[in-house]
């Protein structure tokens, strides 16, 4: 855009010089020459400013390119971090499910252990009751054996007495 402006100013200057030289006097030619030099000086300054602007634009474009490359790299790293986070979250969810299952199993196992302990206590009590009954039965058996022995001793004595009386 600055080049177009420069070109227009240059063409305008040529037109002014061409038209002015036909009708103007020497004094006007000097004035026109001074204006031309002034315009050329301004044109040179504009060219320098344009070159500086283009240089700055190139630097900005390079900086923008570097920034875009860094942005793409960061974007890629972010995508990788997101995938890693998702993978870790899946592992966490699986571990939580396994933990919950283990807790449920532990509770079920504890309930079963409590039930079995209760059954063991019942069986122990039944065993004690059976042992007491067994003791009572053994005592009764001993008493009955003693009674049988006494009764058989009496029967033997009576039989001897009867056999002694009979002849």
C-alpha atoms as a PDB file:
ATOM      1  CA  UNK A   1       0.000   0.000   0.000  1.00  0.00           C
ATOM      2  CA  UNK A   2       2.904   2.340   0.744  1.00  0.00           C
ATOM      3  CA  UNK A   3       4.448   1.470  -2.620  1.00  0.00           C
ATOM      4  CA  UNK A   4       1.270   2.554  -4.401  1.00  0.00           C
ATOM      5  CA  UNK A   5       1.273   5.840  -2.509  1.00  0.00           C
ATOM      6  CA  UNK A   6       4.921   6.343  -3.391  1.00  0.00           C
ATOM      7  CA  UNK A   7       4.253   5.593  -7.054  1.00  0.00           C
ATOM      8  CA  UNK A   8       1.295   8.002  -7.131  1.00  0.00           C
ATOM      9  CA  UNK A   9       3.376  10.748  -5.555  1.00  0.00           C
ATOM     10  CA  UNK A  10       6.145  10.123  -8.067  1.00  0.00           C
ATOM     11  CA  UNK A  11       3.733  10.263 -11.031  1.00  0.00           C
ATOM     12  CA  UNK A  12       2.126  13.399  -9.614  1.00  0.00           C
ATOM     13  CA  UNK A  13       5.554  14.943  -9.334  1.00  0.00           C
ATOM     14  CA  UNK A  14       6.373  14.094 -12.964  1.00  0.00           C
ATOM     15  CA  UNK A  15       3.082  15.567 -14.116  1.00  0.00           C
ATOM     16  CA  UNK A  16       3.695  18.726 -12.136  1.00  0.00           C
ATOM     17  CA  UNK A  17       7.186  19.042 -13.575  1.00  0.00           C
ATOM     18  CA  UNK A  18       6.089  18.358 -17.111  1.00  0.00           C
ATOM     19  CA  UNK A  19       3.142  20.755 -17.025  1.00  0.00           C
ATOM     20  CA  UNK A  20       4.959  23.325 -14.985  1.00  0.00           C
ATOM     21  CA  UNK A  21       7.967  23.482 -17.281  1.00  0.00           C
ATOM     22  CA  UNK A  22       5.903  24.564 -20.219  1.00  0.00           C
ATOM     23  CA  UNK A  23       4.363  27.659 -18.659  1.00  0.00           C
ATOM     24  CA  UNK A  24       6.396  28.517 -15.660  1.00  0.00           C
ATOM     25  CA  UNK A  25       9.225  30.824 -15.266  1.00  0.00           C
ATOM     26  CA  UNK A  26      12.662  30.050 -13.921  1.00  0.00           C
ATOM     27  CA  UNK A  27      11.615  31.096 -10.492  1.00  0.00           C
ATOM     28  CA  UNK A  28       8.776  28.669 -10.576  1.00  0.00           C
ATOM     29  CA  UNK A  29      11.140  26.011 -11.897  1.00  0.00           C
ATOM     30  CA  UNK A  30      13.368  26.533  -8.892  1.00  0.00           C
ATOM     31  CA  UNK A  31      10.376  26.269  -6.628  1.00  0.00           C
ATOM     32  CA  UNK A  32       9.281  23.143  -8.415  1.00  0.00           C
ATOM     33  CA  UNK A  33      12.760  21.702  -8.187  1.00  0.00           C
ATOM     34  CA  UNK A  34      12.826  22.406  -4.451  1.00  0.00           C
ATOM     35  CA  UNK A  35       9.463  20.739  -4.105  1.00  0.00           C
ATOM     36  CA  UNK A  36      10.691  17.799  -6.164  1.00  0.00           C
ATOM     37  CA  UNK A  37      13.734  17.432  -3.952  1.00  0.00           C
ATOM     38  CA  UNK A  38      11.529  17.718  -0.905  1.00  0.00           C
ATOM     39  CA  UNK A  39       9.206  15.089  -2.365  1.00  0.00           C
ATOM     40  CA  UNK A  40      12.173  12.851  -3.234  1.00  0.00           C
ATOM     41  CA  UNK A  41      13.459  13.246   0.322  1.00  0.00           C
ATOM     42  CA  UNK A  42      10.032  12.397   1.670  1.00  0.00           C
ATOM     43  CA  UNK A  43       9.871   9.473  -0.756  1.00  0.00           C
ATOM     44  CA  UNK A  44      13.271   8.219   0.480  1.00  0.00           C
ATOM     45  CA  UNK A  45      12.084   8.514   4.083  1.00  0.00           C
ATOM     46  CA  UNK A  46       8.935   6.630   3.177  1.00  0.00           C
ATOM     47  CA  UNK A  47      10.981   3.897   1.497  1.00  0.00           C
ATOM     48  CA  UNK A  48      13.137   3.579   4.633  1.00  0.00           C
ATOM     49  CA  UNK A  49      10.002   3.471   6.796  1.00  0.00           C
ATOM     50  CA  UNK A  50       8.490   0.873   4.436  1.00  0.00           C
ATOM     51  CA  UNK A  51      11.638  -1.269   4.596  1.00  0.00           C
ATOM     52  CA  UNK A  52      11.641  -0.958   8.394  1.00  0.00           C
ATOM     53  CA  UNK A  53       7.947  -1.877   8.514  1.00  0.00           C
ATOM     54  CA  UNK A  54       8.542  -4.850   6.207  1.00  0.00           C
ATOM     55  CA  UNK A  55      11.469  -5.948   8.367  1.00  0.00           C
ATOM     56  CA  UNK A  56       9.341  -5.672  11.498  1.00  0.00           C
ATOM     57  CA  UNK A  57       6.540  -7.528   9.720  1.00  0.00           C
ATOM     58  CA  UNK A  58       8.968 -10.310   8.789  1.00  0.00           C
ATOM     59  CA  UNK A  59      10.187 -10.510  12.384  1.00  0.00           C
ATOM     60  CA  UNK A  60       6.602 -10.618  13.629  1.00  0.00           C
ATOM     61  CA  UNK A  61       5.779 -13.336  11.093  1.00  0.00           C
ATOM     62  CA  UNK A  62       8.785 -15.357  12.258  1.00  0.00           C
ATOM     63  CA  UNK A  63       7.727 -14.849  15.869  1.00  0.00           C
ATOM     64  CA  UNK A  64       4.184 -15.833  14.949  1.00  0.00           C
ATOM     65  CA  UNK A  65       5.465 -18.974  13.218  1.00  0.00           C
ATOM     66  CA  UNK A  66       7.511 -19.898  16.289  1.00  0.00           C
ATOM     67  CA  UNK A  67       4.526 -19.194  18.522  1.00  0.00           C
ATOM     68  CA  UNK A  68       2.294 -21.358  16.318  1.00  0.00           C
ATOM     69  CA  UNK A  69       4.854 -24.181  16.446  1.00  0.00           C
ATOM     70  CA  UNK A  70       4.989 -23.911  20.229  1.00  0.00           C
ATOM     71  CA  UNK A  71       1.180 -23.811  20.330  1.00  0.00           C
ATOM     72  CA  UNK A  72       0.965 -26.998  18.239  1.00  0.00           C
ATOM     73  CA  UNK A  73       3.540 -28.665  20.497  1.00  0.00           C
ATOM     74  CA  UNK A  74       1.629 -27.630  23.617  1.00  0.00           C
ATOM     75  CA  UNK A  75      -1.623 -28.723  21.979  1.00  0.00           C
ATOM     76  CA  UNK A  76      -0.075 -32.126  21.256  1.00  0.00           C
ATOM     77  CA  UNK A  77       1.245 -32.408  24.823  1.00  0.00           C
ATOM     78  CA  UNK A  78      -2.178 -31.439  26.157  1.00  0.00           C
ATOM     79  CA  UNK A  79      -3.823 -34.136  24.038  1.00  0.00           C
ATOM     80  CA  UNK A  80      -1.322 -36.685  25.379  1.00  0.00           C
ATOM     81  CA  UNK A  81      -1.899 -35.489  28.946  1.00  0.00           C
ATOM     82  CA  UNK A  82      -5.668 -35.761  28.413  1.00  0.00           C
ATOM     83  CA  UNK A  83      -5.337 -39.327  27.102  1.00  0.00           C
ATOM     84  CA  UNK A  84      -3.079 -40.192  30.049  1.00  0.00           C
ATOM     85  CA  UNK A  85      -5.550 -38.628  32.492  1.00  0.00           C
ATOM     86  CA  UNK A  86      -8.422 -40.570  30.905  1.00  0.00           C
ATOM     87  CA  UNK A  87      -6.423 -43.790  31.109  1.00  0.00           C
ATOM     88  CA  UNK A  88      -5.563 -43.141  34.762  1.00  0.00           C
ATOM     89  CA  UNK A  89      -9.190 -42.290  35.515  1.00  0.00           C
ATOM     90  CA  UNK A  90     -10.249 -45.615  33.965  1.00  0.00           C
ATOM     91  CA  UNK A  91      -7.703 -47.417  36.140  1.00  0.00           C
ATOM     92  CA  UNK A  92      -8.968 -45.541  39.205  1.00  0.00           C
ATOM     93  CA  UNK A  93     -12.550 -46.509  38.347  1.00  0.00           C
ATOM     94  CA  UNK A  94     -11.522 -50.159  37.933  1.00  0.00           C
ATOM     95  CA  UNK A  95      -9.645 -50.086  41.255  1.00  0.00           C
ATOM     96  CA  UNK A  96     -12.648 -48.525  42.983  1.00  0.00           C
ATOM     97  CA  UNK A  97     -14.891 -51.260  41.563  1.00  0.00           C
ATOM     98  CA  UNK A  98     -12.424 -53.919  42.722  1.00  0.00           C
ATOM     99  CA  UNK A  99     -12.221 -52.265  46.144  1.00  0.00           C
ATOM    100  CA  UNK A 100     -16.008 -52.177  46.425  1.00  0.00           C
ATOM    101  CA  UNK A 101     -16.179 -55.835  45.407  1.00  0.00           C
ATOM    102  CA  UNK A 102     -13.484 -56.711  47.959  1.00  0.00           C
ATOM    103  CA  UNK A 103     -15.357 -54.796  50.680  1.00  0.00           C
ATOM    104  CA  UNK A 104     -18.549 -56.661  49.780  1.00  0.00           C
ATOM    105  CA  UNK A 105     -16.711 -59.974  49.874  1.00  0.00           C
ATOM    106  CA  UNK A 106     -15.132 -59.062  53.210  1.00  0.00           C
ATOM    107  CA  UNK A 107     -18.539 -58.196  54.654  1.00  0.00           C
ATOM    108  CA  UNK A 108     -20.010 -61.426  53.299  1.00  0.00           C
ATOM    109  CA  UNK A 109     -17.048 -63.377  54.679  1.00  0.00           C
ATOM    110  CA  UNK A 110     -17.421 -61.657  58.059  1.00  0.00           C
ATOM    111  CA  UNK A 111     -21.146 -62.459  58.102  1.00  0.00           C
ATOM    112  CA  UNK A 112     -20.377 -66.089  57.250  1.00  0.00           C
ATOM    113  CA  UNK A 113     -17.659 -66.194  59.944  1.00  0.00           C
ATOM    114  CA  UNK A 114     -20.116 -64.758  62.478  1.00  0.00           C
ATOM    115  CA  UNK A 115     -22.725 -67.331  61.433  1.00  0.00           C
ATOM    116  CA  UNK A 116     -20.193 -70.171  61.678  1.00  0.00           C
ATOM    117  CA  UNK A 117     -19.024 -68.885  65.067  1.00  0.00           C
ATOM    118  CA  UNK A 118     -22.626 -68.935  66.227  1.00  0.00           C
ATOM    119  CA  UNK A 119     -23.043 -72.466  64.916  1.00  0.00           C
ATOM    120  CA  UNK A 120     -19.785 -73.471  66.624  1.00  0.00           C
ATOM    121  CA  UNK A 121     -21.038 -72.036  69.920  1.00  0.00           C
ATOM    122  CA  UNK A 122     -24.309 -73.934  69.486  1.00  0.00           C
ATOM    123  CA  UNK A 123     -22.439 -77.155  68.695  1.00  0.00           C
ATOM    124  CA  UNK A 124     -20.101 -76.562  71.636  1.00  0.00           C
ATOM    125  CA  UNK A 125     -23.088 -76.118  73.926  1.00  0.00           C
ATOM    126  CA  UNK A 126     -24.676 -79.239  72.420  1.00  0.00           C
ATOM    127  CA  UNK A 127     -21.368 -81.070  72.912  1.00  0.00           C
ATOM    128  CA  UNK A 128     -21.240 -79.969  76.556  1.00  0.00           C
ATOM    129  CA  UNK A 129     -24.836 -81.049  77.021  1.00  0.00           C
ATOM    130  CA  UNK A 130     -24.045 -84.404  75.387  1.00  0.00           C
ATOM    131  CA  UNK A 131     -20.934 -84.778  77.548  1.00  0.00           C
ATOM    132  CA  UNK A 132     -23.017 -84.119  80.663  1.00  0.00           C
ATOM    133  CA  UNK A 133     -25.619 -86.606  79.439  1.00  0.00           C
ATOM    134  CA  UNK A 134     -22.853 -89.074  78.708  1.00  0.00           C
ATOM    135  CA  UNK A 135     -21.508 -88.602  82.243  1.00  0.00           C
ATOM    136  CA  UNK A 136     -24.985 -89.165  83.628  1.00  0.00           C
ATOM    137  CA  UNK A 137     -25.383 -92.255  81.457  1.00  0.00           C
ATOM    138  CA  UNK A 138     -21.987 -93.589  82.539  1.00  0.00           C
ATOM    139  CA  UNK A 139     -22.901 -92.980  86.143  1.00  0.00           C
ATOM    140  CA  UNK A 140     -26.220 -94.719  85.593  1.00  0.00           C
ATOM    141  CA  UNK A 141     -24.482 -97.615  83.834  1.00  0.00           C
ATOM    142  CA  UNK A 142     -22.041 -97.946  86.734  1.00  0.00           C
ATOM    143  CA  UNK A 143     -24.917 -97.956  89.210  1.00  0.00           C
ATOM    144  CA  UNK A 144     -26.771-100.524  87.117  1.00  0.00           C
ATOM    145  CA  UNK A 145     -23.653-102.686  86.895  1.00  0.00           C
ATOM    146  CA  UNK A 146     -23.269-102.492  90.641  1.00  0.00           C
ATOM    147  CA  UNK A 147     -26.902-103.421  91.039  1.00  0.00           C
ATOM    148  CA  UNK A 148     -26.473-106.260  88.545  1.00  0.00           C
ATOM    149  CA  UNK A 149     -23.408-107.480  90.422  1.00  0.00           C
ATOM    150  CA  UNK A 150     -25.248-107.296  93.703  1.00  0.00           C
ATOM    151  CA  UNK A 151     -28.255-108.991  92.232  1.00  0.00           C
ATOM    152  CA  UNK A 152     -26.142-111.726  90.642  1.00  0.00           C
ATOM    153  CA  UNK A 153     -24.320-112.167  93.930  1.00  0.00           C
ATOM    154  CA  UNK A 154     -27.607-112.641  95.713  1.00  0.00           C
ATOM    155  CA  UNK A 155     -28.840-115.015  93.055  1.00  0.00           C
ATOM    156  CA  UNK A 156     -25.657-117.032  93.363  1.00  0.00           C
ATOM    157  CA  UNK A 157     -25.973-117.133  97.137  1.00  0.00           C
ATOM    158  CA  UNK A 158     -29.605-118.167  96.888  1.00  0.00           C
ATOM    159  CA  UNK A 159     -28.789-120.817  94.359  1.00  0.00           C
ATOM    160  CA  UNK A 160     -26.133-122.189  96.590  1.00  0.00           C
ATOM    161  CA  UNK A 161     -28.486-122.130  99.456  1.00  0.00           C
ATOM    162  CA  UNK A 162     -31.081-123.969  97.484  1.00  0.00           C
ATOM    163  CA  UNK A 163     -28.647-126.505  96.210  1.00  0.00           C
ATOM    164  CA  UNK A 164     -27.438-127.075  99.738  1.00  0.00           C
ATOM    165  CA  UNK A 165     -30.941-127.656 100.988  1.00  0.00           C
ATOM    166  CA  UNK A 166     -32.056-130.075  98.346  1.00  0.00           C
ATOM    167  CA  UNK A 167     -30.343-133.415  98.600  1.00  0.00           C
END
